[in-house]
Protein backbone atom coordinates (compact mmCIF):
# COMPACT_ATOMS: atom_id res chain seq x y z
CA MET A 1 0.00 0.00 0.00
CA ASN A 2 1.68 3.13 -1.23
CA ASN A 3 -1.39 5.32 -1.47
CA ILE A 4 -1.85 7.66 1.53
CA ASP A 5 -5.63 7.32 1.26
CA ASP A 6 -5.35 3.51 1.41
CA LYS A 7 -3.19 3.68 4.53
CA LEU A 8 -5.65 6.08 6.15
CA ILE A 9 -8.55 3.71 5.50
CA ILE A 10 -6.67 0.78 7.02
CA ALA A 11 -5.77 2.93 10.06
CA LYS A 12 -9.48 3.72 10.54
CA ILE A 13 -10.34 0.03 10.32
CA MET A 14 -7.73 -0.78 12.96
CA ASP A 15 -9.29 1.85 15.23
CA LYS A 16 -12.73 0.31 14.77
CA ILE A 17 -11.41 -3.17 15.57
CA LYS A 18 -9.82 -1.79 18.73
CA ILE A 19 -13.06 -0.10 19.84
CA CYS A 20 -15.02 -3.25 19.03
CA LYS A 21 -12.78 -5.31 21.31
CA ILE A 22 -12.60 -2.79 24.17
CA ARG A 23 -16.31 -1.88 24.24
CA ASN A 24 -17.67 -5.24 23.07
CA LYS A 25 -19.60 -3.31 20.44
CA ILE A 26 -20.50 -3.79 16.77
CA MET A 27 -18.75 -1.23 14.57
CA ASN A 28 -19.25 -0.30 10.93
CA THR A 29 -17.74 1.83 8.18
CA GLU A 30 -19.35 4.01 5.53
CA PHE A 31 -20.15 2.47 2.12
CA LEU A 32 -16.95 1.26 0.47
CA THR A 33 -15.86 0.99 -3.14
CA VAL A 34 -14.89 -2.41 -4.57
CA TYR A 35 -11.29 -1.18 -4.59
CA HIS A 36 -11.27 -0.30 -0.90
CA ARG A 37 -13.07 -3.50 0.06
CA GLU A 38 -10.31 -5.47 -1.63
CA ILE A 39 -7.59 -3.56 0.23
CA ILE A 40 -9.39 -4.08 3.55
CA GLN A 41 -10.04 -7.76 2.80
CA LYS A 42 -6.34 -8.38 2.13
CA GLU A 43 -5.32 -6.62 5.35
CA LEU A 44 -7.85 -8.54 7.46
CA ASN A 45 -6.75 -11.83 5.89
CA LYS A 46 -3.13 -10.96 6.67
CA MET A 47 -4.15 -10.36 10.30
CA LYS A 48 -6.22 -13.58 10.32
CA PHE A 49 -9.10 -11.49 11.64
CA LYS A 50 -12.43 -13.25 11.09
CA ASN A 51 -15.12 -11.31 12.98
CA TYR A 52 -16.38 -9.18 10.12
CA MET A 53 -18.69 -9.10 7.13
CA PHE A 54 -19.39 -6.86 4.15
CA PHE A 55 -23.04 -5.94 3.65
CA GLY A 56 -24.96 -3.55 1.43
CA GLY A 57 -28.64 -4.34 2.06
CA TYR A 58 -28.90 -7.31 -0.31
CA GLU A 59 -26.70 -10.11 -1.58
CA GLU A 60 -25.45 -8.57 -4.84
CA ALA A 61 -25.11 -4.99 -3.60
CA GLU A 62 -22.28 -3.06 -5.20
CA GLY A 63 -22.01 -0.53 -2.37
CA GLN A 64 -21.24 -2.33 0.88
CA ILE A 65 -20.13 -1.41 4.38
CA LEU A 66 -17.73 -3.33 6.61
CA ILE A 67 -19.25 -4.60 9.86
CA ILE A 68 -16.91 -5.64 12.67
CA TYR A 69 -18.39 -7.57 15.59
CA PRO A 70 -17.21 -9.05 18.91
CA GLU A 71 -16.00 -12.63 18.72
CA LYS A 72 -18.68 -14.07 21.04
CA PHE A 73 -21.67 -12.52 19.24
CA ALA A 74 -24.07 -15.06 17.71
CA ASN A 75 -25.18 -14.69 14.09
CA GLU A 76 -28.70 -13.81 15.23
CA ILE A 77 -27.42 -10.80 17.19
CA ILE A 78 -25.40 -9.58 14.21
CA GLU A 79 -28.32 -9.99 11.78
CA ASN A 80 -30.69 -8.13 14.12
CA ASN A 81 -28.21 -5.28 14.39
CA LEU A 82 -27.99 -4.90 10.61
CA ARG A 83 -31.45 -3.28 10.75
CA HIS A 84 -30.00 -0.60 13.02
CA ILE A 85 -27.14 0.15 10.63
CA ILE A 86 -28.64 0.17 7.11
CA LYS A 87 -32.03 1.51 6.07
CA ALA A 88 -33.58 2.38 2.72
CA VAL A 89 -35.44 5.49 1.61
CA LYS A 90 -38.35 4.60 -0.65
CA ILE A 91 -39.64 7.14 -3.19
CA GLU A 92 -43.01 6.38 -4.79
CA LEU A 93 -43.68 8.67 -7.74
CA PRO A 94 -47.04 10.09 -8.85
CA LYS A 95 -48.29 9.05 -12.30
CA GLU A 96 -47.04 12.21 -14.02
CA LEU A 97 -43.43 11.55 -12.92
CA GLU A 98 -43.23 7.85 -13.77
CA GLY A 99 -40.23 7.03 -15.94
CA LYS A 100 -38.72 10.50 -15.69
CA TYR A 101 -35.79 9.76 -13.35
CA ASN A 102 -32.82 7.43 -13.72
CA HIS A 103 -30.06 6.36 -11.34
CA ARG A 104 -27.93 9.43 -12.04
CA ASP A 105 -30.88 11.76 -11.37
CA TYR A 106 -31.57 10.25 -7.96
CA LEU A 107 -27.89 10.23 -7.01
CA GLY A 108 -27.53 13.87 -8.05
CA ILE A 109 -30.57 14.90 -6.01
CA VAL A 110 -29.27 13.16 -2.89
CA MET A 111 -25.77 14.59 -3.35
CA GLN A 112 -27.29 18.07 -3.43
CA ALA A 113 -28.18 17.46 0.21
CA GLY A 114 -24.47 17.85 0.98
CA LEU A 115 -23.75 14.21 1.81
CA LYS A 116 -20.59 12.49 0.64
CA ARG A 117 -20.92 9.55 -1.73
CA ASP A 118 -19.84 7.07 0.93
CA ARG A 119 -22.99 7.80 2.95
CA ILE A 120 -25.13 6.34 0.16
CA GLY A 121 -25.26 2.73 -1.02
CA ASP A 122 -26.98 1.25 -4.05
CA ILE A 123 -29.91 2.99 -5.72
CA ILE A 124 -32.51 0.68 -7.27
CA VAL A 125 -34.69 2.42 -9.83
CA TYR A 126 -38.08 1.38 -11.20
CA LYS A 127 -40.39 3.32 -13.48
CA ASP A 128 -42.70 4.32 -10.62
CA LYS A 129 -40.35 4.25 -7.61
CA ALA A 130 -36.80 4.10 -6.33
CA TYR A 131 -35.00 2.74 -3.29
CA ILE A 132 -31.87 4.38 -1.86
CA PHE A 133 -29.79 2.36 0.61
CA VAL A 134 -28.37 4.63 3.31
CA LEU A 135 -26.76 4.49 6.71
CA LYS A 136 -29.48 4.70 9.36
CA GLU A 137 -27.91 7.82 10.86
CA ASN A 138 -28.49 9.68 7.57
CA ALA A 139 -31.91 8.23 6.70
CA GLU A 140 -34.11 10.91 8.28
CA TYR A 141 -32.01 13.73 6.87
CA ILE A 142 -32.24 12.29 3.34
CA GLU A 143 -35.97 11.67 3.72
CA GLU A 144 -36.66 15.24 4.85
CA THR A 145 -34.36 16.73 2.20
CA LEU A 146 -36.12 14.84 -0.61
CA LYS A 147 -39.50 16.03 0.63
CA GLN A 148 -38.33 19.63 0.29
CA PHE A 149 -37.72 19.26 -3.47
CA SER A 150 -40.69 20.68 -5.36
CA ARG A 151 -40.47 17.89 -7.94
CA PHE A 152 -41.27 15.39 -5.20
CA ASN A 153 -44.11 17.28 -3.50
CA LYS A 154 -46.61 14.66 -4.70
CA ALA A 155 -44.31 11.68 -4.12
CA ASN A 156 -44.65 9.35 -1.15
CA ILE A 157 -41.26 9.23 0.61
CA GLU A 158 -40.58 7.02 3.63
CA ILE A 159 -37.83 5.17 5.48
CA ILE A 160 -38.13 1.38 5.36
CA ASN A 161 -36.10 -1.62 6.50
CA TYR A 162 -33.68 -2.95 3.89
CA GLU A 163 -35.58 -6.29 3.80
CA GLU A 164 -38.60 -4.48 2.37
CA VAL A 165 -36.78 -3.32 -0.77
CA GLU A 166 -37.91 -4.95 -4.01
CA ILE A 167 -34.66 -6.17 -5.52
CA LYS A 168 -34.53 -5.62 -9.24
CA GLU A 169 -33.28 -8.26 -11.66
CA PRO A 170 -30.37 -6.77 -13.63
CA GLU A 171 -31.09 -5.47 -17.12
CA PHE A 172 -28.51 -5.74 -19.89
CA GLU A 173 -27.65 -4.32 -23.26
CA GLU A 174 -25.97 -6.93 -25.48
CA ILE A 175 -23.06 -5.73 -27.57
CA ARG A 176 -20.68 -7.49 -29.97
CA ILE A 177 -17.01 -6.50 -30.11
CA THR A 178 -14.04 -7.63 -32.19
CA VAL A 179 -10.51 -7.63 -30.78
CA SER A 180 -7.08 -8.75 -31.93
CA SER A 181 -6.63 -10.79 -28.73
CA TYR A 182 -8.38 -11.48 -25.42
CA ARG A 183 -5.98 -9.22 -23.51
CA LEU A 184 -7.68 -7.10 -20.88
CA ASP A 185 -6.51 -3.80 -22.37
CA ASN A 186 -8.12 -4.76 -25.69
CA ILE A 187 -11.45 -5.55 -24.01
CA VAL A 188 -11.40 -2.37 -21.90
CA SER A 189 -10.67 -0.31 -25.00
CA GLU A 190 -13.55 -1.80 -27.00
CA VAL A 191 -16.30 -1.84 -24.35
CA SER A 192 -15.40 1.69 -23.21
CA ARG A 193 -14.99 2.92 -26.81
CA ILE A 194 -11.65 4.52 -26.07
CA SER A 195 -8.14 4.12 -27.46
CA ARG A 196 -5.73 1.44 -26.23
CA SER A 197 -3.54 4.12 -24.64
CA LYS A 198 -6.57 5.46 -22.71
CA ALA A 199 -7.43 1.90 -21.65
CA ASP A 200 -3.88 1.47 -20.37
CA GLU A 201 -4.28 4.67 -18.36
CA LEU A 202 -7.45 3.31 -16.74
CA LEU A 203 -5.59 0.15 -15.76
CA LYS A 204 -2.58 2.04 -14.39
CA ASN A 205 -4.87 4.40 -12.47
CA GLU A 206 -6.55 1.42 -10.78
CA LYS A 207 -9.98 1.96 -12.31
CA VAL A 208 -10.52 -1.55 -13.69
CA PHE A 209 -11.87 -4.53 -11.73
CA LEU A 210 -11.93 -8.06 -13.09
CA ASN A 211 -14.25 -10.43 -11.20
CA SER A 212 -14.47 -7.85 -8.37
CA LYS A 213 -10.68 -7.73 -8.01
CA LEU A 214 -8.54 -4.73 -8.87
CA GLU A 215 -6.55 -5.52 -12.01
CA VAL A 216 -3.68 -3.46 -13.43
CA ARG A 217 -2.15 -6.05 -15.78
CA ALA A 218 -2.95 -5.15 -19.38
CA THR A 219 -1.85 -8.53 -20.76
CA ILE A 220 -4.03 -10.82 -18.64
CA SER A 221 -6.54 -12.79 -20.73
CA VAL A 222 -10.28 -12.42 -20.29
CA LYS A 223 -12.46 -15.57 -20.21
CA GLU A 224 -16.13 -16.39 -20.65
CA ASN A 225 -18.32 -15.40 -17.65
CA ASP A 226 -15.75 -12.91 -16.37
CA THR A 227 -17.21 -9.71 -14.97
CA LEU A 228 -15.59 -6.39 -15.72
CA ALA A 229 -16.19 -3.11 -13.89
CA ILE A 230 -14.64 0.09 -15.23
CA ARG A 231 -15.00 3.27 -13.22
CA GLY A 232 -16.86 5.86 -15.23
CA PHE A 233 -17.87 3.38 -17.96
CA GLY A 234 -20.02 0.74 -16.27
CA LYS A 235 -20.11 -2.97 -15.57
CA PHE A 236 -19.95 -5.81 -18.10
CA ILE A 237 -20.16 -9.60 -18.40
CA VAL A 238 -18.12 -11.53 -20.97
CA CYS A 239 -20.79 -13.90 -22.29
CA GLU A 240 -19.35 -15.75 -25.27
CA LEU A 241 -16.03 -16.00 -27.05
CA LEU A 242 -17.16 -16.76 -30.59
CA GLY A 243 -13.74 -17.36 -32.15
CA SER A 244 -12.23 -15.48 -35.06
CA ASN A 245 -14.00 -13.92 -38.04
CA LYS A 246 -12.81 -13.84 -41.68
CA LYS A 247 -10.44 -10.99 -40.89
CA GLY A 248 -8.79 -12.96 -38.09
CA LYS A 249 -10.35 -10.83 -35.33
CA ASN A 250 -11.80 -12.43 -32.19
CA VAL A 251 -15.53 -11.89 -31.76
CA ILE A 252 -16.98 -11.53 -28.25
CA ILE A 253 -20.55 -11.13 -27.01
CA ILE A 254 -20.63 -8.74 -24.05
CA LYS A 255 -23.55 -7.85 -21.80
CA LYS A 256 -23.48 -4.37 -20.33
CA TYR A 257 -25.46 -3.63 -17.18
CA LYS A 258 -28.00 -0.88 -17.82
């Protein structure tokens, strides 16, 4: 770990572990990026520390917090306490607003409230409603702030338990790409629609995750069913490697998360 920010995050985790042990109390972080979760995971594995879990409100959540708990706590105690850590703000839209807001719109509205991104987890958007996973300590503030927006004066906004959220099945856009090889930099370049040099920059700047792991090696080969997340460009699944076409290029079917 050479990054000052990474070292600071690990130092904060160590403090939380210390408090957990001294006070016999469950501790948690803010919502973490995949990158920071990987750094924390490696450090905890190195320490052989086992009393922790990552959780974001549902099994496949992208935004997750780290929960550290005392060694003697039973699973039932930990699960019950999750309800006191993560909540969700539900926004039910009136008919005239259905279909007018996407993920970016909701995120932008919440960010206008002055909260940092790490106070907000996943946002699940439907045509007629949305769910925003938040830390319980921020739930009331976000609820009241949303109610003050004129666009939501006819919306029904309430705080609910995370178990009440209707989890949405992922939606995909299927795309076909052709590459000279299955190297990661080639794939990143094609799915992001940027040059190879720009793709290399993304890799070097630690913005690419292969199967939820940070990956900086441009030459590593991508396989079927691999997942690829690129900061600023989205998340993808490598569905099929169809072999080479008449021009000798490799054809790949990719699914992009909408």
